[in-house]
């Protein structure tokens, strides 16, 4: 599992090296927004279960 996580991280870092800076910031913003939405959804679900 760790090997595949490191392999995926290497692929993503390599792909980021070929993007323009604005494209990199856009992708980082989209991923960050998705992570925030996922965390908020999980937090709400946890509060509803208790």
N, C-alpha and C. Protein backbone atom coordinates (compact mmCIF):
# COMPACT_ATOMS: atom_id res chain seq x y z
N UNK A 1 0.83 -1.20 0.00
CA UNK A 1 0.00 0.00 0.00
C UNK A 1 0.87 1.26 0.00
N UNK A 2 1.89 1.26 0.83
CA UNK A 2 2.78 2.41 0.89
C UNK A 2 3.49 2.62 -0.45
N UNK A 3 3.87 1.53 -1.09
CA UNK A 3 4.54 1.62 -2.39
C UNK A 3 3.65 2.31 -3.41
N UNK A 4 2.38 1.93 -3.45
CA UNK A 4 1.46 2.52 -4.41
C UNK A 4 1.19 3.99 -4.09
N UNK A 5 1.15 4.34 -2.80
CA UNK A 5 0.96 5.74 -2.41
C UNK A 5 2.16 6.57 -2.86
N UNK A 6 3.37 6.05 -2.67
CA UNK A 6 4.56 6.77 -3.10
C UNK A 6 4.64 6.85 -4.62
N UNK A 7 4.24 5.80 -5.30
CA UNK A 7 4.22 5.80 -6.76
C UNK A 7 3.24 6.85 -7.28
N UNK A 8 2.06 6.91 -6.69
CA UNK A 8 1.06 7.90 -7.10
C UNK A 8 1.56 9.31 -6.81
N UNK A 9 2.19 9.51 -5.67
CA UNK A 9 2.73 10.83 -5.34
C UNK A 9 3.80 11.23 -6.35
N UNK A 10 4.63 10.30 -6.76
CA UNK A 10 5.65 10.60 -7.76
C UNK A 10 5.06 10.98 -9.10
N UNK A 11 4.02 10.29 -9.50
CA UNK A 11 3.35 10.61 -10.76
C UNK A 11 2.72 12.00 -10.70
N UNK A 12 2.07 12.32 -9.57
CA UNK A 12 1.44 13.63 -9.44
C UNK A 12 2.46 14.75 -9.39
N UNK A 13 3.57 14.54 -8.71
CA UNK A 13 4.62 15.57 -8.66
C UNK A 13 5.22 15.75 -10.06
N UNK A 14 5.41 14.67 -10.78
CA UNK A 14 5.93 14.77 -12.14
C UNK A 14 4.97 15.49 -13.06
N UNK A 15 3.68 15.24 -12.89
CA UNK A 15 2.69 15.93 -13.71
C UNK A 15 2.63 17.41 -13.36
N UNK A 16 2.78 17.73 -12.09
CA UNK A 16 2.75 19.14 -11.67
C UNK A 16 3.94 19.90 -12.25
N UNK A 17 5.04 19.22 -12.46
CA UNK A 17 6.21 19.87 -13.03
C UNK A 17 6.02 20.29 -14.48
N UNK A 18 5.06 19.70 -15.16
CA UNK A 18 4.81 20.03 -16.56
C UNK A 18 3.69 21.04 -16.74
N UNK A 19 3.02 21.39 -15.66
CA UNK A 19 1.94 22.38 -15.74
C UNK A 19 2.51 23.78 -15.59
N UNK A 20 1.77 24.75 -16.10
CA UNK A 20 2.12 26.13 -15.82
C UNK A 20 1.77 26.41 -14.36
N UNK A 21 2.31 27.51 -13.83
CA UNK A 21 2.06 27.82 -12.42
C UNK A 21 0.59 28.08 -12.17
N UNK A 22 -0.09 28.77 -13.08
CA UNK A 22 -1.51 29.04 -12.89
C UNK A 22 -2.32 27.74 -12.98
N UNK A 23 -1.93 26.84 -13.86
CA UNK A 23 -2.62 25.55 -13.93
C UNK A 23 -2.41 24.73 -12.67
N UNK A 24 -1.20 24.81 -12.12
CA UNK A 24 -0.91 24.11 -10.87
C UNK A 24 -1.75 24.67 -9.73
N UNK A 25 -1.85 25.99 -9.66
CA UNK A 25 -2.65 26.61 -8.60
C UNK A 25 -4.13 26.26 -8.75
N UNK A 26 -4.61 26.21 -9.99
CA UNK A 26 -6.01 25.84 -10.22
C UNK A 26 -6.26 24.40 -9.76
N UNK A 27 -5.38 23.48 -10.14
CA UNK A 27 -5.53 22.08 -9.73
C UNK A 27 -5.44 21.95 -8.21
N UNK A 28 -4.50 22.67 -7.60
CA UNK A 28 -4.36 22.61 -6.14
C UNK A 28 -5.61 23.17 -5.46
N UNK A 29 -6.18 24.22 -6.01
CA UNK A 29 -7.40 24.78 -5.45
C UNK A 29 -8.58 23.83 -5.56
N UNK A 30 -8.68 23.17 -6.70
CA UNK A 30 -9.77 22.19 -6.87
C UNK A 30 -9.63 21.02 -5.91
N UNK A 31 -8.43 20.51 -5.77
CA UNK A 31 -8.21 19.39 -4.86
C UNK A 31 -8.44 19.83 -3.42
N UNK A 32 -7.96 21.01 -3.06
CA UNK A 32 -8.19 21.52 -1.71
C UNK A 32 -9.66 21.73 -1.42
N UNK A 33 -10.39 22.26 -2.38
CA UNK A 33 -11.83 22.44 -2.20
C UNK A 33 -12.56 21.11 -2.03
N UNK A 34 -12.14 20.13 -2.80
CA UNK A 34 -12.76 18.81 -2.66
C UNK A 34 -12.46 18.23 -1.28
N UNK A 35 -11.24 18.39 -0.80
CA UNK A 35 -10.89 17.87 0.53
C UNK A 35 -11.68 18.57 1.63
N UNK A 36 -11.86 19.88 1.50
CA UNK A 36 -12.64 20.62 2.50
C UNK A 36 -14.09 20.17 2.49
N UNK A 37 -14.67 20.01 1.29
CA UNK A 37 -16.06 19.55 1.19
C UNK A 37 -16.21 18.14 1.76
N UNK A 38 -15.24 17.27 1.48
CA UNK A 38 -15.30 15.91 2.01
C UNK A 38 -15.21 15.92 3.52
N UNK A 39 -14.30 16.72 4.07
CA UNK A 39 -14.16 16.80 5.52
C UNK A 39 -15.40 17.35 6.18
N UNK A 40 -16.01 18.37 5.58
CA UNK A 40 -17.24 18.93 6.14
C UNK A 40 -18.36 17.91 6.10
N UNK A 41 -18.48 17.18 5.01
CA UNK A 41 -19.54 16.16 4.90
C UNK A 41 -19.34 15.06 5.94
N UNK A 42 -18.11 14.63 6.14
CA UNK A 42 -17.83 13.60 7.14
C UNK A 42 -18.09 14.12 8.55
N UNK A 43 -17.75 15.38 8.80
CA UNK A 43 -18.00 15.96 10.11
C UNK A 43 -19.48 16.05 10.43
N UNK A 44 -20.27 16.44 9.44
CA UNK A 44 -21.72 16.51 9.64
C UNK A 44 -22.28 15.12 9.87
N UNK A 45 -21.80 14.14 9.12
CA UNK A 45 -22.28 12.76 9.29
C UNK A 45 -21.92 12.24 10.68
N UNK A 46 -20.74 12.59 11.17
CA UNK A 46 -20.33 12.13 12.51
C UNK A 46 -21.20 12.75 13.58
N UNK A 47 -21.55 14.03 13.42
CA UNK A 47 -22.41 14.69 14.40
C UNK A 47 -23.81 14.09 14.39
N UNK A 48 -24.30 13.70 13.23
CA UNK A 48 -25.65 13.11 13.15
C UNK A 48 -25.70 11.73 13.78
N UNK A 49 -24.59 11.00 13.75
CA UNK A 49 -24.58 9.64 14.33
C UNK A 49 -24.57 9.67 15.84
N UNK A 50 -24.09 10.75 16.43
CA UNK A 50 -24.00 10.80 17.90
C UNK A 50 -25.14 11.51 18.47
